Amino acid sequence: MSRLINRPVAVAAGPDGAPRTFQYQGVLLQVSRVLDHWLETGRWWEGERERETYRVATAAGGVYELTREVPDGAWFLYKAYD
């Protein structure tokens, strides 16, 4: 099961652009592994921006989807998995 969150978050990314840490509900979470990574073009005909998505596992055991809007680099916590 997953919960849609879709809120801006502070992310520290590594040199490869992948998230290393992010803050959620006042807690700093350490990314232990990137489970998946993909690009979405969105509905470009409606003005949606391209998004880069990372599904990550954290050291605390959670699984989350983080998205980064291209080209401005704004990060969002899109989804949390239970």
N, C-alpha and C. Protein backbone atom coordinates (compact mmCIF):
# COMPACT_ATOMS: atom_id res chain seq x y z
N MET A 1 0.85 -1.16 0.00
CA MET A 1 0.00 0.00 0.00
C MET A 1 0.90 1.24 0.00
N SER A 2 0.43 2.30 -0.61
CA SER A 2 1.22 3.53 -0.67
C SER A 2 0.32 4.73 -0.35
N ARG A 3 0.98 5.81 0.09
CA ARG A 3 0.29 7.06 0.38
C ARG A 3 0.85 8.13 -0.53
N LEU A 4 -0.01 8.87 -1.19
CA LEU A 4 0.40 9.99 -2.02
C LEU A 4 0.66 11.18 -1.11
N ILE A 5 1.86 11.76 -1.21
CA ILE A 5 2.24 12.89 -0.36
C ILE A 5 2.42 14.14 -1.21
N ASN A 6 3.26 14.06 -2.23
CA ASN A 6 3.50 15.13 -3.20
C ASN A 6 3.73 16.51 -2.56
N ARG A 7 4.73 16.58 -1.66
CA ARG A 7 5.09 17.83 -1.00
C ARG A 7 6.57 18.12 -1.20
N PRO A 8 6.94 19.39 -1.25
CA PRO A 8 8.36 19.74 -1.39
C PRO A 8 9.17 19.22 -0.18
N VAL A 9 10.38 18.75 -0.46
CA VAL A 9 11.28 18.29 0.60
C VAL A 9 12.70 18.74 0.30
N ALA A 10 13.49 18.84 1.36
CA ALA A 10 14.91 19.14 1.22
C ALA A 10 15.64 17.82 0.98
N VAL A 11 16.40 17.78 -0.11
CA VAL A 11 17.15 16.58 -0.49
C VAL A 11 18.61 16.94 -0.67
N ALA A 12 19.49 16.10 -0.16
CA ALA A 12 20.92 16.22 -0.45
C ALA A 12 21.24 15.10 -1.43
N ALA A 13 21.72 15.48 -2.60
CA ALA A 13 22.02 14.50 -3.64
C ALA A 13 23.52 14.31 -3.76
N GLY A 14 23.90 13.13 -4.25
CA GLY A 14 25.31 12.83 -4.48
C GLY A 14 25.76 13.38 -5.82
N PRO A 15 27.03 13.17 -6.17
CA PRO A 15 27.58 13.67 -7.44
C PRO A 15 26.86 13.11 -8.66
N ASP A 16 26.25 11.94 -8.53
CA ASP A 16 25.51 11.34 -9.65
C ASP A 16 24.08 11.86 -9.75
N GLY A 17 23.67 12.73 -8.82
CA GLY A 17 22.33 13.29 -8.83
C GLY A 17 21.32 12.52 -8.02
N ALA A 18 21.66 11.31 -7.59
CA ALA A 18 20.74 10.48 -6.81
C ALA A 18 20.65 11.01 -5.38
N PRO A 19 19.46 10.94 -4.78
CA PRO A 19 19.30 11.41 -3.41
C PRO A 19 20.11 10.57 -2.42
N ARG A 20 20.72 11.24 -1.45
CA ARG A 20 21.47 10.56 -0.38
C ARG A 20 20.75 10.68 0.95
N THR A 21 20.16 11.86 1.21
CA THR A 21 19.35 12.08 2.41
C THR A 21 18.18 12.98 2.04
N PHE A 22 17.11 12.90 2.83
CA PHE A 22 15.99 13.83 2.69
C PHE A 22 15.30 13.96 4.04
N GLN A 23 14.59 15.07 4.19
CA GLN A 23 13.93 15.34 5.45
C GLN A 23 12.43 15.19 5.27
N TYR A 24 11.81 14.39 6.15
CA TYR A 24 10.37 14.15 6.09
C TYR A 24 9.81 14.22 7.51
N GLN A 25 8.84 15.07 7.72
CA GLN A 25 8.20 15.27 9.02
C GLN A 25 9.23 15.55 10.11
N GLY A 26 10.21 16.37 9.79
CA GLY A 26 11.21 16.78 10.75
C GLY A 26 12.31 15.77 11.02
N VAL A 27 12.31 14.65 10.30
CA VAL A 27 13.31 13.60 10.50
C VAL A 27 14.20 13.51 9.26
N LEU A 28 15.51 13.49 9.49
CA LEU A 28 16.45 13.33 8.39
C LEU A 28 16.60 11.84 8.10
N LEU A 29 16.28 11.44 6.87
CA LEU A 29 16.34 10.03 6.48
C LEU A 29 17.51 9.79 5.54
N GLN A 30 18.25 8.74 5.80
CA GLN A 30 19.42 8.34 5.01
C GLN A 30 18.98 7.32 3.97
N VAL A 31 19.27 7.59 2.70
CA VAL A 31 18.95 6.64 1.63
C VAL A 31 19.99 5.52 1.67
N SER A 32 19.51 4.29 1.82
CA SER A 32 20.44 3.15 1.84
C SER A 32 20.61 2.54 0.46
N ARG A 33 19.56 2.69 -0.39
CA ARG A 33 19.64 2.09 -1.72
C ARG A 33 18.61 2.72 -2.65
N VAL A 34 19.02 2.95 -3.89
CA VAL A 34 18.09 3.37 -4.94
C VAL A 34 17.53 2.09 -5.55
N LEU A 35 16.21 1.92 -5.44
CA LEU A 35 15.55 0.71 -5.94
C LEU A 35 15.19 0.82 -7.41
N ASP A 36 14.87 2.03 -7.86
CA ASP A 36 14.50 2.24 -9.25
C ASP A 36 14.69 3.72 -9.58
N HIS A 37 14.82 4.02 -10.86
CA HIS A 37 15.04 5.39 -11.31
C HIS A 37 14.48 5.50 -12.72
N TRP A 38 13.69 6.56 -12.99
CA TRP A 38 13.13 6.76 -14.32
C TRP A 38 12.79 8.22 -14.57
N LEU A 39 12.61 8.55 -15.84
CA LEU A 39 12.19 9.89 -16.27
C LEU A 39 10.76 9.83 -16.77
N GLU A 40 9.98 10.86 -16.45
CA GLU A 40 8.61 10.99 -16.95
C GLU A 40 8.48 12.31 -17.67
N THR A 41 7.95 12.28 -18.87
CA THR A 41 7.77 13.52 -19.62
C THR A 41 6.51 14.25 -19.20
N GLY A 42 5.57 13.57 -18.59
CA GLY A 42 4.33 14.22 -18.17
C GLY A 42 3.48 14.61 -19.36
N ARG A 43 2.41 15.33 -19.08
CA ARG A 43 1.52 15.82 -20.15
C ARG A 43 2.08 17.13 -20.66
N TRP A 44 3.09 17.03 -21.52
CA TRP A 44 3.77 18.21 -22.03
C TRP A 44 2.81 19.15 -22.75
N TRP A 45 1.78 18.60 -23.35
CA TRP A 45 0.82 19.42 -24.08
C TRP A 45 -0.02 20.28 -23.12
N GLU A 46 0.02 19.95 -21.81
CA GLU A 46 -0.67 20.75 -20.80
C GLU A 46 0.32 21.55 -19.96
N GLY A 47 1.59 21.58 -20.38
CA GLY A 47 2.60 22.37 -19.70
C GLY A 47 3.29 21.70 -18.53
N GLU A 48 3.04 20.39 -18.32
CA GLU A 48 3.72 19.70 -17.23
C GLU A 48 5.20 19.58 -17.54
N ARG A 49 6.01 19.70 -16.51
CA ARG A 49 7.46 19.58 -16.66
C ARG A 49 7.89 18.12 -16.62
N GLU A 50 9.08 17.90 -17.16
CA GLU A 50 9.69 16.58 -17.05
C GLU A 50 10.09 16.35 -15.61
N ARG A 51 9.93 15.10 -15.14
CA ARG A 51 10.31 14.75 -13.77
C ARG A 51 11.21 13.53 -13.77
N GLU A 52 12.19 13.57 -12.89
CA GLU A 52 13.07 12.44 -12.66
C GLU A 52 12.63 11.83 -11.34
N THR A 53 12.36 10.53 -11.33
CA THR A 53 11.84 9.88 -10.13
C THR A 53 12.81 8.82 -9.64
N TYR A 54 12.97 8.78 -8.32
CA TYR A 54 13.79 7.77 -7.65
C TYR A 54 12.92 7.05 -6.63
N ARG A 55 12.86 5.73 -6.69
CA ARG A 55 12.26 4.94 -5.62
C ARG A 55 13.42 4.49 -4.75
N VAL A 56 13.38 4.86 -3.46
CA VAL A 56 14.51 4.61 -2.58
C VAL A 56 14.09 3.86 -1.32
N ALA A 57 15.04 3.12 -0.77
CA ALA A 57 14.89 2.50 0.55
C ALA A 57 15.74 3.30 1.51
N THR A 58 15.24 3.49 2.73
CA THR A 58 16.01 4.23 3.73
C THR A 58 16.61 3.27 4.76
N ALA A 59 17.61 3.79 5.47
CA ALA A 59 18.26 3.00 6.51
C ALA A 59 17.26 2.62 7.61
N ALA A 60 16.21 3.42 7.79
CA ALA A 60 15.19 3.14 8.80
C ALA A 60 14.18 2.10 8.33
N GLY A 61 14.27 1.67 7.06
CA GLY A 61 13.40 0.62 6.55
C GLY A 61 12.24 1.06 5.70
N GLY A 62 12.06 2.35 5.48
CA GLY A 62 10.96 2.83 4.65
C GLY A 62 11.30 2.84 3.17
N VAL A 63 10.26 2.86 2.34
CA VAL A 63 10.41 2.98 0.89
C VAL A 63 9.61 4.20 0.44
N TYR A 64 10.27 5.05 -0.36
CA TYR A 64 9.69 6.32 -0.77
C TYR A 64 9.98 6.58 -2.25
N GLU A 65 9.15 7.43 -2.86
CA GLU A 65 9.44 7.94 -4.20
C GLU A 65 9.71 9.43 -4.09
N LEU A 66 10.88 9.84 -4.56
CA LEU A 66 11.29 11.23 -4.61
C LEU A 66 11.34 11.65 -6.06
N THR A 67 10.78 12.81 -6.37
CA THR A 67 10.83 13.32 -7.74
C THR A 67 11.57 14.65 -7.76
N ARG A 68 12.27 14.87 -8.86
CA ARG A 68 12.99 16.13 -9.08
C ARG A 68 12.49 16.70 -10.39
N GLU A 69 12.00 17.94 -10.34
CA GLU A 69 11.52 18.58 -11.56
C GLU A 69 12.70 19.06 -12.39
N VAL A 70 12.60 18.83 -13.68
CA VAL A 70 13.63 19.25 -14.62
C VAL A 70 13.07 20.46 -15.35
N PRO A 71 13.74 21.56 -15.51
CA PRO A 71 15.16 21.78 -15.24
C PRO A 71 15.45 22.49 -13.92
N ASP A 72 14.41 22.90 -13.14
CA ASP A 72 14.68 23.75 -11.97
C ASP A 72 15.25 23.02 -10.77
N GLY A 73 15.12 21.70 -10.71
CA GLY A 73 15.74 20.93 -9.64
C GLY A 73 14.96 20.85 -8.35
N ALA A 74 13.71 21.30 -8.32
CA ALA A 74 12.90 21.23 -7.10
C ALA A 74 12.56 19.76 -6.79
N TRP A 75 12.77 19.37 -5.53
CA TRP A 75 12.50 18.00 -5.09
C TRP A 75 11.16 17.91 -4.38
N PHE A 76 10.47 16.77 -4.58
CA PHE A 76 9.20 16.49 -3.93
C PHE A 76 9.22 15.06 -3.41
N LEU A 77 8.64 14.88 -2.23
CA LEU A 77 8.37 13.52 -1.75
C LEU A 77 7.02 13.17 -2.33
N TYR A 78 7.02 12.29 -3.32
CA TYR A 78 5.79 11.98 -4.04
C TYR A 78 4.96 10.92 -3.33
N LYS A 79 5.61 9.85 -2.89
CA LYS A 79 4.89 8.71 -2.33
C LYS A 79 5.65 8.07 -1.20
N ALA A 80 4.92 7.50 -0.23
CA ALA A 80 5.52 6.70 0.83
C ALA A 80 4.81 5.33 0.80
N TYR A 81 5.59 4.27 0.87
CA TYR A 81 5.05 2.91 0.86
C TYR A 81 5.00 2.34 2.27
N ASP A 82 3.90 1.67 2.59
CA ASP A 82 3.75 1.04 3.91
C ASP A 82 4.20 -0.40 3.89
